[in-house]
C-alpha atoms as a PDB file:
ATOM      1  CA  MET A   1      19.768  13.537 -55.777  1.00  0.00           C
ATOM      2  CA  THR A   2      21.847  11.762 -58.377  1.00  0.00           C
ATOM      3  CA  GLN A   3      25.020  11.253 -56.381  1.00  0.00           C
ATOM      4  CA  PRO A   4      25.151   8.016 -54.156  1.00  0.00           C
ATOM      5  CA  PRO A   5      25.595   8.275 -50.321  1.00  0.00           C
ATOM      6  CA  HIS A   6      28.802   8.641 -49.138  1.00  0.00           C
ATOM      7  CA  ASP A   7      29.062   5.177 -47.814  1.00  0.00           C
ATOM      8  CA  GLU A   8      28.119   3.743 -51.052  1.00  0.00           C
ATOM      9  CA  LYS A   9      30.061   3.274 -54.137  1.00  0.00           C
ATOM     10  CA  PRO A  10      28.753   4.273 -57.649  1.00  0.00           C
ATOM     11  CA  ALA A  11      26.175   1.710 -59.445  1.00  0.00           C
ATOM     12  CA  SER A  12      28.053  -0.377 -61.917  1.00  0.00           C
ATOM     13  CA  GLY A  13      25.054  -0.975 -63.718  1.00  0.00           C
ATOM     14  CA  PRO A  14      21.239  -0.589 -64.166  1.00  0.00           C
ATOM     15  CA  GLU A  15      20.328  -3.700 -61.831  1.00  0.00           C
ATOM     16  CA  GLU A  16      22.626  -2.285 -59.243  1.00  0.00           C
ATOM     17  CA  LEU A  17      21.248   1.113 -59.466  1.00  0.00           C
ATOM     18  CA  ARG A  18      17.638  -0.412 -59.466  1.00  0.00           C
ATOM     19  CA  GLU A  19      18.617  -2.190 -55.779  1.00  0.00           C
ATOM     20  CA  GLN A  20      20.123   1.327 -54.503  1.00  0.00           C
ATOM     21  CA  VAL A  21      16.957   3.167 -55.491  1.00  0.00           C
ATOM     22  CA  GLU A  22      15.055   0.287 -53.776  1.00  0.00           C
ATOM     23  CA  ARG A  23      17.128   0.586 -50.771  1.00  0.00           C
ATOM     24  CA  THR A  24      16.899   4.450 -50.641  1.00  0.00           C
ATOM     25  CA  ARG A  25      13.046   4.276 -51.048  1.00  0.00           C
ATOM     26  CA  THR A  26      12.901   1.894 -48.055  1.00  0.00           C
ATOM     27  CA  GLU A  27      15.251   3.830 -45.844  1.00  0.00           C
ATOM     28  CA  LEU A  28      13.029   6.893 -46.790  1.00  0.00           C
ATOM     29  CA  GLY A  29       9.778   5.481 -45.756  1.00  0.00           C
ATOM     30  CA  GLU A  30      10.997   4.289 -42.573  1.00  0.00           C
ATOM     31  CA  THR A  31      12.469   7.714 -41.982  1.00  0.00           C
ATOM     32  CA  VAL A  32       9.006   9.332 -42.884  1.00  0.00           C
ATOM     33  CA  GLU A  33       7.342   6.803 -40.663  1.00  0.00           C
ATOM     34  CA  ALA A  34       9.493   7.731 -37.610  1.00  0.00           C
ATOM     35  CA  LEU A  35       8.885  11.193 -38.251  1.00  0.00           C
ATOM     36  CA  ALA A  36       5.306  10.714 -38.542  1.00  0.00           C
ATOM     37  CA  ALA A  37       5.281   8.804 -35.083  1.00  0.00           C
ATOM     38  CA  LYS A  38       7.169  11.817 -33.509  1.00  0.00           C
ATOM     39  CA  ALA A  39       4.647  14.428 -35.236  1.00  0.00           C
ATOM     40  CA  ASP A  40       1.465  12.279 -33.805  1.00  0.00           C
ATOM     41  CA  VAL A  41       0.901  14.037 -30.458  1.00  0.00           C
ATOM     42  CA  LYS A  42      -2.512  12.493 -29.835  1.00  0.00           C
ATOM     43  CA  THR A  43      -0.807   8.761 -30.031  1.00  0.00           C
ATOM     44  CA  GLN A  44       1.967  10.024 -27.869  1.00  0.00           C
ATOM     45  CA  ALA A  45      -0.455  11.457 -25.394  1.00  0.00           C
ATOM     46  CA  ARG A  46      -2.713   7.959 -25.344  1.00  0.00           C
ATOM     47  CA  GLU A  47       0.685   6.027 -25.071  1.00  0.00           C
ATOM     48  CA  LYS A  48       1.740   8.023 -21.988  1.00  0.00           C
ATOM     49  CA  ALA A  49      -1.663   8.067 -20.366  1.00  0.00           C
ATOM     50  CA  ALA A  50      -1.765   4.491 -20.710  1.00  0.00           C
ATOM     51  CA  GLU A  51       1.658   4.010 -19.076  1.00  0.00           C
ATOM     52  CA  VAL A  52       0.921   6.271 -16.323  1.00  0.00           C
ATOM     53  CA  ARG A  53      -2.493   4.328 -15.787  1.00  0.00           C
ATOM     54  CA  GLU A  54      -0.403   1.038 -15.590  1.00  0.00           C
ATOM     55  CA  GLN A  55       2.054   2.614 -13.161  1.00  0.00           C
ATOM     56  CA  ALA A  56      -0.934   4.100 -11.093  1.00  0.00           C
ATOM     57  CA  ALA A  57      -2.735   0.727 -10.775  1.00  0.00           C
ATOM     58  CA  ALA A  58       0.486  -0.933  -9.682  1.00  0.00           C
ATOM     59  CA  LYS A  59       1.273   1.447  -7.105  1.00  0.00           C
ATOM     60  CA  ALA A  60      -2.466   1.363  -5.617  1.00  0.00           C
ATOM     61  CA  THR A  61      -1.804  -2.379  -5.625  1.00  0.00           C
ATOM     62  CA  ALA A  62       1.175  -2.072  -3.578  1.00  0.00           C
ATOM     63  CA  VAL A  63      -0.352   0.615  -1.147  1.00  0.00           C
ATOM     64  CA  ARG A  64      -3.543  -1.660  -0.720  1.00  0.00           C
ATOM     65  CA  GLU A  65      -1.330  -4.768   0.344  1.00  0.00           C
ATOM     66  CA  GLN A  66       0.675  -2.682   2.608  1.00  0.00           C
ATOM     67  CA  ALA A  67      -2.197  -1.186   4.380  1.00  0.00           C
ATOM     68  CA  ALA A  68      -3.790  -4.545   4.695  1.00  0.00           C
ATOM     69  CA  ALA A  69      -0.601  -5.988   6.283  1.00  0.00           C
ATOM     70  CA  LYS A  70      -0.572  -3.045   8.547  1.00  0.00           C
ATOM     71  CA  ALA A  71      -4.070  -3.488   9.363  1.00  0.00           C
ATOM     72  CA  THR A  72      -3.532  -7.084  10.339  1.00  0.00           C
ATOM     73  CA  ALA A  73      -0.622  -6.135  12.527  1.00  0.00           C
ATOM     74  CA  VAL A  74      -2.688  -3.408  14.112  1.00  0.00           C
ATOM     75  CA  ARG A  75      -5.198  -5.737  15.121  1.00  0.00           C
ATOM     76  CA  GLU A  76      -3.198  -8.722  16.523  1.00  0.00           C
ATOM     77  CA  GLN A  77      -1.659  -5.967  18.509  1.00  0.00           C
ATOM     78  CA  THR A  78      -4.746  -4.674  19.455  1.00  0.00           C
ATOM     79  CA  ALA A  79      -6.104  -8.117  20.533  1.00  0.00           C
ATOM     80  CA  ALA A  80      -3.148  -8.840  22.629  1.00  0.00           C
ATOM     81  CA  LYS A  81      -3.186  -5.705  24.394  1.00  0.00           C
ATOM     82  CA  ALA A  82      -7.115  -6.235  25.095  1.00  0.00           C
ATOM     83  CA  GLY A  83      -6.383  -9.792  26.450  1.00  0.00           C
ATOM     84  CA  ASP A  84      -3.651  -8.151  28.831  1.00  0.00           C
ATOM     85  CA  LEU A  85      -5.925  -5.380  29.966  1.00  0.00           C
ATOM     86  CA  LYS A  86      -8.553  -7.747  30.772  1.00  0.00           C
ATOM     87  CA  ALA A  87      -6.451  -9.821  33.043  1.00  0.00           C
ATOM     88  CA  LYS A  88      -4.910  -6.910  34.774  1.00  0.00           C
ATOM     89  CA  ALA A  89      -8.419  -5.570  35.546  1.00  0.00           C
ATOM     90  CA  SER A  90      -9.551  -8.915  36.721  1.00  0.00           C
ATOM     91  CA  ASP A  91      -6.408  -9.223  38.849  1.00  0.00           C
ATOM     92  CA  MET A  92      -7.092  -5.690  40.129  1.00  0.00           C
ATOM     93  CA  ALA A  93     -10.944  -6.493  41.064  1.00  0.00           C
ATOM     94  CA  HIS A  94     -10.012  -9.758  42.961  1.00  0.00           C
ATOM     95  CA  GLN A  95      -7.014  -7.450  44.718  1.00  0.00           C
ATOM     96  CA  VAL A  96      -9.925  -5.137  45.924  1.00  0.00           C
ATOM     97  CA  GLN A  97     -12.352  -7.695  46.525  1.00  0.00           C
ATOM     98  CA  ASP A  98      -9.569  -9.584  48.702  1.00  0.00           C
ATOM     99  CA  ARG A  99      -8.684  -6.018  50.648  1.00  0.00           C
ATOM    100  CA  LEU A 100     -12.280  -5.426  51.661  1.00  0.00           C
ATOM    101  CA  PRO A 101     -13.045  -6.404  55.371  1.00  0.00           C
ATOM    102  CA  GLU A 102     -15.211  -9.645  55.748  1.00  0.00           C
ATOM    103  CA  PRO A 103     -18.184  -7.711  57.284  1.00  0.00           C
ATOM    104  CA  VAL A 104     -18.067  -5.200  54.321  1.00  0.00           C
ATOM    105  CA  ARG A 105     -17.636  -8.177  52.006  1.00  0.00           C
ATOM    106  CA  GLU A 106     -20.768 -10.003  53.201  1.00  0.00           C
ATOM    107  CA  LYS A 107     -22.996  -7.042  53.485  1.00  0.00           C
ATOM    108  CA  ALA A 108     -22.175  -4.645  50.725  1.00  0.00           C
ATOM    109  CA  LEU A 109     -21.212  -7.380  47.994  1.00  0.00           C
ATOM    110  CA  PRO A 110     -24.083  -9.949  47.646  1.00  0.00           C
ATOM    111  CA  PRO A 111     -23.280 -12.253  44.797  1.00  0.00           C
ATOM    112  CA  ALA A 112     -24.877  -9.826  42.060  1.00  0.00           C
ATOM    113  CA  ASN A 113     -23.110  -6.639  43.605  1.00  0.00           C
ATOM    114  CA  ARG A 114     -19.725  -8.524  43.209  1.00  0.00           C
ATOM    115  CA  THR A 115     -20.070  -8.736  39.327  1.00  0.00           C
ATOM    116  CA  LEU A 116     -20.932  -5.230  39.426  1.00  0.00           C
ATOM    117  CA  LEU A 117     -17.699  -4.542  41.561  1.00  0.00           C
ATOM    118  CA  LEU A 118     -15.564  -6.484  39.036  1.00  0.00           C
ATOM    119  CA  VAL A 119     -16.816  -4.523  36.196  1.00  0.00           C
ATOM    120  CA  ALA A 120     -16.230  -1.350  37.790  1.00  0.00           C
ATOM    121  CA  ALA A 121     -12.655  -2.263  38.887  1.00  0.00           C
ATOM    122  CA  GLY A 122     -11.848  -3.411  35.518  1.00  0.00           C
ATOM    123  CA  ALA A 123     -13.327  -0.289  33.853  1.00  0.00           C
ATOM    124  CA  ALA A 124     -11.113   1.637  36.704  1.00  0.00           C
ATOM    125  CA  ALA A 125      -8.014  -0.347  35.738  1.00  0.00           C
ATOM    126  CA  ALA A 126      -8.693   0.505  31.964  1.00  0.00           C
ATOM    127  CA  VAL A 127      -9.138   4.273  32.601  1.00  0.00           C
ATOM    128  CA  VAL A 128      -5.886   4.234  34.729  1.00  0.00           C
ATOM    129  CA  TRP A 129      -3.954   2.353  31.977  1.00  0.00           C
ATOM    130  CA  LEU A 130      -5.091   4.647  29.346  1.00  0.00           C
ATOM    131  CA  ALA A 131      -4.237   7.661  31.172  1.00  0.00           C
ATOM    132  CA  TRP A 132      -0.791   6.187  31.793  1.00  0.00           C
ATOM    133  CA  ARG A 133      -0.512   5.264  28.273  1.00  0.00           C
ATOM    134  CA  ARG A 134      -1.081   8.838  27.168  1.00  0.00           C
ATOM    135  CA  ARG A 135       1.506   9.970  29.532  1.00  0.00           C
ATOM    136  CA  GLY A 136       4.121   7.742  28.212  1.00  0.00           C
END
């Protein structure tokens, strides 16, 4: 312990020796602190747990934002498809109504029954569309 480190020259006087001793103490203290930190498993585990929690929270936020964006897109597509289906059902109901012979239309379709026929034709169109969509 009385030999100086290889990169230092021997002390030329007592003051320089004191400075070397003080530097060595500081370095030794820093080394001991670093070793103690490596040996402190509880603190390392807490730090790692905090890091993992932060990563999980960030990932959850990103997933939540993606899900919200996809849900919005699906809602918009569904609304568009519903509008298209409603228009097709209405067209189909009008076509059915227009193809009925006049005497049948007058007897079988009083104003209240016409609405019922339109609704039934719309439902039939929806069923046909869904069946066609499942096949495709």
